[in-house]
């Protein structure tokens, strides 16, 4: 991958454009133009404590569908509490190349430093899923970013990391997120490479973490800045944050979330050892290690992580085989696998229940990635695409969009048998948008058949021959 280095002189403030924008504190400002000559914009949030006569840390949040305002809202409460500026581009997108997105980001960066007093060496990036992947590679290509908050995804390519260009990495992931095993491995690798890094765990799946974890990530950056002398040491802030973390550790232990408690203990000791004597935390950790319940939980977790890795290898292997050979006959195997995953939901072992949810998320992400690959090719293989859509009706049976795609695609190929089968499967799941059914593109001939209308009438009543003219 070619490196694009964007030189940002962070902390240098130019006020030439500041008169053109009315800055509002405490609200998300949307669609701020990057330059008059470029149709790019960004969203911005200034904490209520913001003043122009001092320099401020800034967090750039990335949503790869260009939803800047939405991305900022996820961090708004944490930024308000911790005193961070937030900014998010409305133009970065998964459909663009990495270099294009980096150039868009660079233009936004340069625009913001002409408007606001940004503190040098306290510029960070963040995101969820694909936004996190992009945020994670920015320190490699963009000079001046000193930290990353990655939600729901590990570091995208550990091979490109450079020990001479260290940055602070904070990962946040739910224990039911399919990215959880990857982020555990990533934490170990980053540690060996001497990158300062932390991993925060919460109860949940592949989703934005609760605000308290985003707040904790910014807190880690603030404490790191104090430890390195970038800002003055605030004893009251340190004591308050430490006490809150200790309360959280005790709460996790009381609620029997012992793996999360152990993880948080490790992170708190790492962060606060330069500020405080952590002997009391070490004692809690030693006692936890001796706890029989904790030992059982740890053993169960290790066993399920190993088992999970083998199952994921099977998913990858059989999906590749099925797509290469157009093996529709193997759909039954996938139905069986989904039945096996449902069994984990009833397991008495928490680690197995979490594994089942991670595997379901993984197989859906795997199929969706393949859909993107097929659709992004120079010539779309419709047969492979249809097979992938069929798989999605098995792995995610209540996402109605895939049934509709199959119905329309099969009808266009005059494979009415397949269309009618998936029509009935769709209606069995509770789909009730009759108007959309009768306006599906490419299904005009299918919709006037008695068989189509009989199925619709069976589930939606009075639908027979109720043809809506296009």
Protein backbone atom coordinates (compact mmCIF):
# COMPACT_ATOMS: atom_id res chain seq x y z
CA UNK A 1 0.00 0.00 0.00
CA UNK A 2 1.43 3.35 -0.97
CA UNK A 3 1.82 5.77 1.91
CA UNK A 4 0.22 9.18 1.65
CA UNK A 5 1.71 11.48 4.27
CA UNK A 6 -0.37 14.55 5.02
CA UNK A 7 1.66 17.04 6.99
CA UNK A 8 -0.48 18.73 9.61
CA UNK A 9 0.96 21.42 11.80
CA UNK A 10 -1.36 20.71 14.69
CA UNK A 11 -1.67 23.38 17.33
CA UNK A 12 -0.93 26.21 14.93
CA UNK A 13 -4.00 28.43 14.76
CA UNK A 14 -4.99 30.68 11.88
CA UNK A 15 -8.08 32.80 12.26
CA UNK A 16 -8.51 33.92 8.67
CA UNK A 17 -11.75 31.99 8.24
CA UNK A 18 -13.05 32.21 11.80
CA UNK A 19 -15.18 35.26 11.07
CA UNK A 20 -17.15 33.30 8.48
CA UNK A 21 -18.48 30.76 10.99
CA UNK A 22 -20.52 31.28 14.11
CA UNK A 23 -19.28 28.68 16.59
CA UNK A 24 -21.89 27.23 18.93
CA UNK A 25 -20.96 25.32 22.06
CA UNK A 26 -22.78 22.26 23.36
CA UNK A 27 -24.57 21.32 20.11
CA UNK A 28 -23.57 19.36 17.02
CA UNK A 29 -22.98 21.73 14.12
CA UNK A 30 -23.52 20.00 10.78
CA UNK A 31 -22.53 20.65 7.15
CA UNK A 32 -19.67 23.05 7.81
CA UNK A 33 -18.03 23.62 4.43
CA UNK A 34 -14.41 22.60 4.07
CA UNK A 35 -13.75 25.18 1.36
CA UNK A 36 -15.96 27.22 -0.90
CA UNK A 37 -14.46 25.57 -3.96
CA UNK A 38 -14.92 21.98 -2.71
CA UNK A 39 -18.27 20.34 -2.05
CA UNK A 40 -17.09 18.71 1.16
CA UNK A 41 -18.31 19.33 4.68
CA UNK A 42 -17.94 18.11 8.24
CA UNK A 43 -19.80 18.06 11.53
CA UNK A 44 -18.34 19.66 14.64
CA UNK A 45 -18.97 19.60 18.39
CA UNK A 46 -17.46 22.04 20.89
CA UNK A 47 -17.86 21.25 24.61
CA UNK A 48 -19.68 23.90 26.65
CA UNK A 49 -16.40 24.70 28.42
CA UNK A 50 -14.71 25.59 25.11
CA UNK A 51 -12.89 28.92 24.87
CA UNK A 52 -10.78 30.27 22.02
CA UNK A 53 -7.96 31.45 24.31
CA UNK A 54 -6.66 27.96 25.08
CA UNK A 55 -5.72 24.89 23.05
CA UNK A 56 -7.96 21.82 23.00
CA UNK A 57 -7.67 18.10 22.29
CA UNK A 58 -9.67 16.89 19.30
CA UNK A 59 -11.16 13.53 18.34
CA UNK A 60 -11.97 12.87 14.68
CA UNK A 61 -14.79 10.32 14.43
CA UNK A 62 -15.26 8.38 11.21
CA UNK A 63 -18.40 6.86 9.74
CA UNK A 64 -17.69 5.33 6.35
CA UNK A 65 -21.11 6.24 5.02
CA UNK A 66 -20.37 9.95 5.52
CA UNK A 67 -22.82 10.36 8.42
CA UNK A 68 -20.75 12.85 10.36
CA UNK A 69 -23.48 14.16 12.63
CA UNK A 70 -24.55 10.66 13.61
CA UNK A 71 -20.97 9.63 14.36
CA UNK A 72 -20.35 12.66 16.57
CA UNK A 73 -23.50 12.02 18.59
CA UNK A 74 -22.05 8.70 19.76
CA UNK A 75 -19.17 10.56 21.47
CA UNK A 76 -21.00 13.76 22.42
CA UNK A 77 -21.58 13.01 26.12
CA UNK A 78 -18.08 11.63 26.62
CA UNK A 79 -16.51 14.64 24.86
CA UNK A 80 -18.56 17.04 26.97
CA UNK A 81 -17.44 15.36 30.18
CA UNK A 82 -13.78 15.02 29.19
CA UNK A 83 -13.43 18.36 27.36
CA UNK A 84 -12.70 17.24 23.79
CA UNK A 85 -13.60 18.81 20.44
CA UNK A 86 -15.26 16.37 18.03
CA UNK A 87 -15.18 16.50 14.24
CA UNK A 88 -16.46 14.10 11.56
CA UNK A 89 -16.34 14.21 7.78
CA UNK A 90 -19.57 13.93 5.79
CA UNK A 91 -17.68 12.68 2.73
CA UNK A 92 -15.52 9.70 3.66
CA UNK A 93 -17.05 6.53 2.27
CA UNK A 94 -16.39 2.81 1.87
CA UNK A 95 -16.93 3.16 -1.88
CA UNK A 96 -13.82 5.36 -2.17
CA UNK A 97 -10.21 4.23 -2.11
CA UNK A 98 -8.14 4.59 1.04
CA UNK A 99 -6.07 7.32 -0.59
CA UNK A 100 -9.20 9.28 -1.57
CA UNK A 101 -10.56 9.07 1.97
CA UNK A 102 -7.21 10.15 3.38
CA UNK A 103 -7.14 13.20 1.12
CA UNK A 104 -10.71 14.11 2.13
CA UNK A 105 -9.67 13.75 5.77
CA UNK A 106 -6.58 15.87 5.24
CA UNK A 107 -8.62 18.71 3.77
CA UNK A 108 -10.95 18.58 6.76
CA UNK A 109 -8.01 18.58 9.16
CA UNK A 110 -6.45 21.59 7.52
CA UNK A 111 -9.75 23.47 7.54
CA UNK A 112 -10.28 22.84 11.24
CA UNK A 113 -6.85 24.04 12.32
CA UNK A 114 -7.58 27.37 10.62
CA UNK A 115 -10.73 27.67 12.72
CA UNK A 116 -9.89 26.29 16.14
CA UNK A 117 -7.02 26.26 18.65
CA UNK A 118 -6.04 22.58 18.54
CA UNK A 119 -3.51 21.29 21.06
CA UNK A 120 -0.42 19.83 19.50
CA UNK A 121 0.10 16.09 20.13
CA UNK A 122 -3.46 15.62 21.38
CA UNK A 123 -5.19 14.71 18.13
CA UNK A 124 -7.01 11.37 18.01
CA UNK A 125 -9.18 9.33 15.63
CA UNK A 126 -12.05 6.94 16.31
CA UNK A 127 -14.78 4.90 14.68
CA UNK A 128 -16.88 1.76 14.72
CA UNK A 129 -16.36 -1.24 12.40
CA UNK A 130 -15.21 0.09 8.99
CA UNK A 131 -14.89 3.56 10.51
CA UNK A 132 -12.59 2.10 13.15
CA UNK A 133 -10.48 0.37 10.49
CA UNK A 134 -9.98 3.67 8.70
CA UNK A 135 -9.32 5.54 11.95
CA UNK A 136 -6.73 2.91 12.90
CA UNK A 137 -4.59 3.32 9.78
CA UNK A 138 -4.62 7.12 9.83
CA UNK A 139 -1.63 7.46 12.20
CA UNK A 140 0.43 5.58 9.59
CA UNK A 141 -0.45 8.04 6.84
CA UNK A 142 -1.29 11.26 8.65
CA UNK A 143 1.32 13.02 10.70
CA UNK A 144 0.13 14.21 14.11
CA UNK A 145 -2.44 11.62 15.22
CA UNK A 146 -1.33 10.22 18.56
CA UNK A 147 -4.14 7.87 19.48
CA UNK A 148 -6.97 5.70 18.11
CA UNK A 149 -10.24 4.46 19.61
CA UNK A 150 -11.31 1.36 17.71
CA UNK A 151 -14.83 0.08 18.44
CA UNK A 152 -15.77 -3.39 17.23
CA UNK A 153 -12.70 -4.18 15.13
CA UNK A 154 -9.06 -5.05 15.68
CA UNK A 155 -6.11 -3.40 14.01
CA UNK A 156 -6.69 -4.00 10.27
CA UNK A 157 -3.13 -4.79 9.21
CA UNK A 158 -0.50 -5.39 11.88
CA UNK A 159 2.20 -5.78 9.22
CA UNK A 160 2.18 -2.07 8.35
CA UNK A 161 2.89 -0.95 11.92
CA UNK A 162 6.18 0.85 12.44
CA UNK A 163 7.92 0.80 15.81
CA UNK A 164 9.33 4.24 15.02
CA UNK A 165 5.80 5.66 14.71
CA UNK A 166 4.08 4.63 17.94
CA UNK A 167 0.56 5.72 18.77
CA UNK A 168 -1.88 4.93 21.57
CA UNK A 169 -4.49 2.28 20.67
CA UNK A 170 -7.67 1.79 22.71
CA UNK A 171 -9.93 -1.04 21.59
CA UNK A 172 -13.52 -1.42 22.81
CA UNK A 173 -15.50 -4.57 22.08
CA UNK A 174 -18.52 -6.51 23.28
CA UNK A 175 -17.93 -10.07 24.48
CA UNK A 176 -20.61 -11.26 22.03
CA UNK A 177 -18.98 -9.41 19.10
CA UNK A 178 -17.39 -11.61 16.43
CA UNK A 179 -14.42 -9.22 16.55
CA UNK A 180 -13.69 -10.17 20.18
CA UNK A 181 -11.17 -13.00 19.49
CA UNK A 182 -9.41 -10.87 16.88
CA UNK A 183 -9.09 -7.97 19.31
CA UNK A 184 -7.66 -10.22 22.03
CA UNK A 185 -4.97 -11.37 19.61
CA UNK A 186 -4.38 -7.80 18.43
CA UNK A 187 -3.81 -6.59 21.98
CA UNK A 188 -1.11 -9.20 22.48
CA UNK A 189 0.62 -8.34 19.20
CA UNK A 190 0.48 -4.58 19.83
CA UNK A 191 2.01 -5.18 23.25
CA UNK A 192 4.91 -7.12 21.76
CA UNK A 193 5.48 -4.30 19.29
CA UNK A 194 5.64 -1.84 22.23
CA UNK A 195 2.53 0.11 21.19
CA UNK A 196 0.71 1.51 24.22
CA UNK A 197 -2.67 -0.16 24.04
CA UNK A 198 -5.75 -1.07 26.06
CA UNK A 199 -8.81 -3.25 25.52
CA UNK A 200 -12.14 -2.41 27.19
CA UNK A 201 -14.83 -5.10 27.34
CA UNK A 202 -18.59 -4.67 27.66
CA UNK A 203 -21.63 -6.93 27.58
CA UNK A 204 -22.97 -6.72 24.05
CA UNK A 205 -22.48 -7.64 20.42
CA UNK A 206 -21.28 -5.90 17.27
CA UNK A 207 -22.52 -2.43 18.18
CA UNK A 208 -21.39 0.95 19.42
CA UNK A 209 -20.33 0.58 23.06
CA UNK A 210 -22.23 2.34 25.86
CA UNK A 211 -21.16 5.94 26.50
CA UNK A 212 -19.31 5.04 29.70
CA UNK A 213 -16.74 3.08 27.67
CA UNK A 214 -16.22 5.90 25.17
CA UNK A 215 -15.79 8.18 28.19
CA UNK A 216 -13.22 5.80 29.66
CA UNK A 217 -11.27 5.75 26.37
CA UNK A 218 -11.00 9.56 26.36
CA UNK A 219 -10.07 9.40 30.05
CA UNK A 220 -7.16 7.09 29.15
CA UNK A 221 -5.92 9.61 26.58
CA UNK A 222 -6.18 12.44 29.10
CA UNK A 223 -4.25 10.51 31.76
CA UNK A 224 -1.62 9.55 29.19
CA UNK A 225 -1.21 13.24 28.29
CA UNK A 226 -0.72 14.05 31.98
CA UNK A 227 1.81 11.24 32.40
CA UNK A 228 3.83 12.50 29.42
CA UNK A 229 3.71 16.12 30.58
CA UNK A 230 1.62 17.32 27.65
CA UNK A 231 -0.82 18.83 30.15
CA UNK A 232 -0.53 19.57 33.85
CA UNK A 233 -1.28 16.85 36.36
CA UNK A 234 -4.75 17.31 37.85
CA UNK A 235 -4.74 15.44 41.19
CA UNK A 236 -8.50 15.83 41.64
CA UNK A 237 -9.19 14.43 38.16
CA UNK A 238 -6.86 11.47 38.76
CA UNK A 239 -8.38 10.66 42.16
CA UNK A 240 -11.95 10.94 40.87
CA UNK A 241 -11.30 8.77 37.81
CA UNK A 242 -9.42 6.18 39.85
CA UNK A 243 -12.23 5.95 42.39
CA UNK A 244 -14.80 5.48 39.62
CA UNK A 245 -12.74 2.69 38.08
CA UNK A 246 -12.38 0.98 41.44
CA UNK A 247 -16.15 1.16 41.92
CA UNK A 248 -16.66 -0.41 38.49
CA UNK A 249 -14.20 -3.23 39.27
CA UNK A 250 -16.03 -4.00 42.52
CA UNK A 251 -19.39 -3.90 40.72
CA UNK A 252 -18.16 -6.37 38.10
CA UNK A 253 -16.90 -8.72 40.80
CA UNK A 254 -20.19 -8.53 42.71
CA UNK A 255 -22.13 -9.27 39.51
CA UNK A 256 -19.88 -12.26 38.78
CA UNK A 257 -18.51 -10.66 35.57
CA UNK A 258 -15.08 -11.86 36.62
CA UNK A 259 -13.35 -11.92 33.24
CA UNK A 260 -14.35 -8.31 32.63
CA UNK A 261 -13.26 -7.42 36.18
CA UNK A 262 -9.86 -9.02 35.60
CA UNK A 263 -9.51 -7.20 32.28
CA UNK A 264 -10.39 -3.83 33.82
CA UNK A 265 -7.99 -4.45 36.72
CA UNK A 266 -5.19 -4.99 34.22
CA UNK A 267 -6.03 -1.82 32.29
CA UNK A 268 -6.42 0.35 35.41
CA UNK A 269 -3.09 -0.81 36.83
CA UNK A 270 -1.43 -0.05 33.50
CA UNK A 271 -2.89 3.46 33.32
CA UNK A 272 -2.54 4.54 36.96
CA UNK A 273 0.79 3.05 37.96
CA UNK A 274 2.52 6.33 37.10
CA UNK A 275 0.12 8.24 39.35
CA UNK A 276 -0.64 5.97 42.29
CA UNK A 277 0.42 3.00 44.35
CA UNK A 278 -1.57 0.15 42.82
CA UNK A 279 -0.76 -2.48 45.47
CA UNK A 280 -4.43 -2.65 46.50
CA UNK A 281 -5.38 -3.47 42.92
CA UNK A 282 -2.67 -6.11 42.71
CA UNK A 283 -4.13 -7.76 45.81
CA UNK A 284 -7.61 -7.79 44.24
CA UNK A 285 -6.12 -9.36 41.13
CA UNK A 286 -4.25 -12.01 43.14
CA UNK A 287 -7.42 -12.91 45.03
CA UNK A 288 -9.33 -13.11 41.77
CA UNK A 289 -6.75 -15.49 40.29
CA UNK A 290 -7.32 -17.84 43.24
CA UNK A 291 -11.10 -17.77 42.90
CA UNK A 292 -12.48 -21.14 41.75
CA UNK A 293 -15.33 -19.55 39.80
CA UNK A 294 -12.88 -17.28 37.97
CA UNK A 295 -10.65 -20.25 37.13
CA UNK A 296 -13.66 -22.11 35.70
CA UNK A 297 -14.74 -19.05 33.68
CA UNK A 298 -11.23 -18.60 32.30
CA UNK A 299 -10.97 -22.27 31.34
CA UNK A 300 -14.39 -22.17 29.65
CA UNK A 301 -13.46 -19.02 27.75
CA UNK A 302 -10.18 -20.46 26.50
CA UNK A 303 -11.89 -23.68 25.42
CA UNK A 304 -14.64 -21.87 23.52
CA UNK A 305 -12.19 -19.51 21.81
CA UNK A 306 -10.28 -22.53 20.50
CA UNK A 307 -13.48 -24.27 19.39
CA UNK A 308 -14.70 -21.04 17.78
CA UNK A 309 -11.55 -20.75 15.67
CA UNK A 310 -12.12 -24.25 14.22
CA UNK A 311 -15.79 -23.55 13.44
CA UNK A 312 -14.88 -20.30 11.70
CA UNK A 313 -12.36 -22.17 9.55
CA UNK A 314 -15.17 -24.53 8.50
CA UNK A 315 -17.41 -21.60 7.57
CA UNK A 316 -14.71 -20.06 5.39
CA UNK A 317 -13.83 -23.37 3.73
CA UNK A 318 -17.39 -24.45 2.92
CA UNK A 319 -18.45 -21.01 1.75
CA UNK A 320 -15.53 -20.86 -0.68
CA UNK A 321 -16.33 -24.36 -1.93
CA UNK A 322 -20.05 -23.65 -2.34
CA UNK A 323 -19.45 -20.45 -4.28
CA UNK A 324 -16.81 -22.00 -6.50
CA UNK A 325 -19.07 -24.94 -7.44
CA UNK A 326 -22.48 -23.19 -7.26
CA UNK A 327 -23.41 -25.79 -4.67
CA UNK A 328 -27.05 -25.05 -3.88
CA UNK A 329 -27.34 -28.57 -2.47
CA UNK A 330 -25.25 -27.52 0.53
CA UNK A 331 -27.87 -25.03 1.77
CA UNK A 332 -29.10 -27.80 4.06
CA UNK A 333 -25.68 -27.90 5.75
CA UNK A 334 -25.93 -24.20 6.52
CA UNK A 335 -29.45 -24.65 7.91
CA UNK A 336 -28.05 -27.38 10.18
CA UNK A 337 -25.22 -25.08 11.34
CA UNK A 338 -27.69 -22.37 12.31
CA UNK A 339 -29.59 -24.96 14.34
CA UNK A 340 -26.35 -25.86 16.12
CA UNK A 341 -25.73 -22.21 16.97
CA UNK A 342 -29.20 -21.90 18.48
CA UNK A 343 -28.32 -24.70 20.89
CA UNK A 344 -25.61 -22.51 22.40
CA UNK A 345 -28.28 -19.98 23.40
CA UNK A 346 -29.55 -22.52 25.94
CA UNK A 347 -26.12 -23.48 27.28
CA UNK A 348 -25.53 -23.14 31.03
CA UNK A 349 -21.99 -21.98 30.25
CA UNK A 350 -21.83 -18.23 29.64
CA UNK A 351 -18.76 -18.53 27.40
CA UNK A 352 -20.65 -20.87 25.07
CA UNK A 353 -23.64 -18.53 24.86
CA UNK A 354 -21.30 -15.69 23.95
CA UNK A 355 -19.51 -17.88 21.40
CA UNK A 356 -22.81 -18.77 19.70
CA UNK A 357 -23.65 -15.10 19.24
CA UNK A 358 -20.14 -14.32 17.97
CA UNK A 359 -20.29 -17.13 15.42
CA UNK A 360 -23.67 -15.96 14.13
CA UNK A 361 -22.29 -12.45 13.71
CA UNK A 362 -19.18 -13.83 12.04
CA UNK A 363 -20.97 -15.93 9.45
CA UNK A 364 -23.24 -13.02 8.52
CA UNK A 365 -20.28 -10.69 8.17
CA UNK A 366 -18.46 -13.31 6.08
CA UNK A 367 -21.37 -13.64 3.65
CA UNK A 368 -21.86 -9.87 3.45
CA UNK A 369 -18.17 -9.37 2.68
CA UNK A 370 -18.49 -11.87 -0.19
CA UNK A 371 -21.58 -10.07 -1.47
CA UNK A 372 -19.59 -6.82 -1.55
CA UNK A 373 -16.73 -8.56 -3.39
CA UNK A 374 -19.06 -10.04 -6.04
CA UNK A 375 -20.94 -6.78 -6.55
CA UNK A 376 -17.70 -4.82 -6.72
CA UNK A 377 -16.28 -6.94 -9.55
CA UNK A 378 -16.05 -5.74 -13.13
CA UNK A 379 -18.66 -8.33 -14.12
CA UNK A 380 -21.22 -9.45 -11.52
CA UNK A 381 -21.72 -13.21 -11.30
CA UNK A 382 -25.46 -13.30 -10.74
CA UNK A 383 -25.55 -16.99 -9.88
CA UNK A 384 -23.00 -16.57 -7.09
CA UNK A 385 -24.80 -13.46 -5.87
CA UNK A 386 -28.12 -15.33 -5.74
CA UNK A 387 -26.53 -18.14 -3.75
CA UNK A 388 -25.16 -15.61 -1.26
CA UNK A 389 -28.60 -14.02 -0.93
CA UNK A 390 -30.08 -17.46 -0.25
CA UNK A 391 -27.48 -18.03 2.45
CA UNK A 392 -28.45 -14.74 4.07
CA UNK A 393 -32.08 -15.90 4.33
CA UNK A 394 -30.70 -18.80 6.39
CA UNK A 395 -28.22 -16.91 8.58
CA UNK A 396 -30.36 -13.78 9.00
CA UNK A 397 -33.93 -14.94 8.30
CA UNK A 398 -35.64 -11.73 9.37
CA UNK A 399 -33.74 -9.44 7.02
CA UNK A 400 -36.47 -9.33 4.39
CA UNK A 401 -34.38 -7.53 1.79
CA UNK A 402 -32.64 -10.73 0.66
CA UNK A 403 -35.91 -12.58 0.00
CA UNK A 404 -37.06 -9.67 -2.16
CA UNK A 405 -33.78 -9.69 -4.10
CA UNK A 406 -34.13 -13.41 -4.82
CA UNK A 407 -37.78 -13.09 -5.85
CA UNK A 408 -36.98 -10.29 -8.29
CA UNK A 409 -33.77 -11.82 -9.65
CA UNK A 410 -35.31 -15.26 -10.19
CA UNK A 411 -38.37 -13.75 -11.88
CA UNK A 412 -36.14 -11.88 -14.32
CA UNK A 413 -34.54 -15.20 -15.22
CA UNK A 414 -38.04 -16.73 -15.50
CA UNK A 415 -37.28 -19.10 -12.65
CA UNK A 416 -40.72 -18.63 -11.14
CA UNK A 417 -40.45 -21.73 -8.97
CA UNK A 418 -37.60 -20.18 -6.96
CA UNK A 419 -39.41 -16.82 -6.79
CA UNK A 420 -42.60 -18.43 -5.46
CA UNK A 421 -40.69 -20.51 -2.90
CA UNK A 422 -38.94 -17.44 -1.45
CA UNK A 423 -42.15 -15.43 -1.63
CA UNK A 424 -43.85 -17.95 0.65
CA UNK A 425 -40.82 -18.15 2.96
CA UNK A 426 -40.85 -14.36 3.20
CA UNK A 427 -44.54 -14.21 4.09
CA UNK A 428 -44.15 -17.00 6.64
CA UNK A 429 -41.66 -14.77 8.45
CA UNK A 430 -44.32 -12.07 8.86
CA UNK A 431 -43.60 -9.75 5.94
CA UNK A 432 -46.71 -7.69 5.20
CA UNK A 433 -45.83 -4.93 2.71
CA UNK A 434 -48.20 -5.91 -0.08
CA UNK A 435 -47.61 -2.70 -2.02
CA UNK A 436 -43.88 -3.40 -2.22
CA UNK A 437 -44.47 -6.99 -3.34
CA UNK A 438 -46.64 -5.77 -6.21
CA UNK A 439 -44.10 -3.18 -7.31
CA UNK A 440 -40.91 -5.27 -7.30
CA UNK A 441 -38.87 -4.37 -10.35
CA UNK A 442 -38.70 -7.12 -12.97
CA UNK A 443 -41.62 -9.14 -11.58
CA UNK A 444 -44.50 -7.88 -13.77
CA UNK A 445 -45.19 -11.28 -15.34
CA UNK A 446 -44.76 -13.13 -12.05
CA UNK A 447 -47.21 -10.87 -10.23
CA UNK A 448 -50.12 -11.69 -12.55
CA UNK A 449 -49.73 -15.44 -12.19
CA UNK A 450 -52.40 -17.26 -10.15
CA UNK A 451 -49.69 -18.95 -8.08
CA UNK A 452 -48.21 -15.62 -6.94
CA UNK A 453 -51.60 -14.23 -5.97
CA UNK A 454 -52.67 -17.41 -4.22
CA UNK A 455 -49.62 -17.26 -1.97
CA UNK A 456 -50.16 -13.58 -1.21
CA UNK A 457 -53.86 -14.19 -0.49
CA UNK A 458 -52.99 -17.05 1.84
CA UNK A 459 -50.93 -14.81 4.12
CA UNK A 460 -52.15 -11.25 3.51
CA UNK A 461 -55.85 -11.75 2.62
CA UNK A 462 -57.68 -10.41 -0.43
CA UNK A 463 -54.47 -10.14 -2.41
CA UNK A 464 -55.39 -12.35 -5.35
CA UNK A 465 -55.04 -10.46 -8.63
CA UNK A 466 -54.71 -7.23 -6.71
CA UNK A 467 -52.21 -5.91 -9.21
CA UNK A 468 -50.88 -2.41 -8.62
CA UNK A 469 -50.11 -0.72 -11.93
CA UNK A 470 -46.60 0.68 -12.27
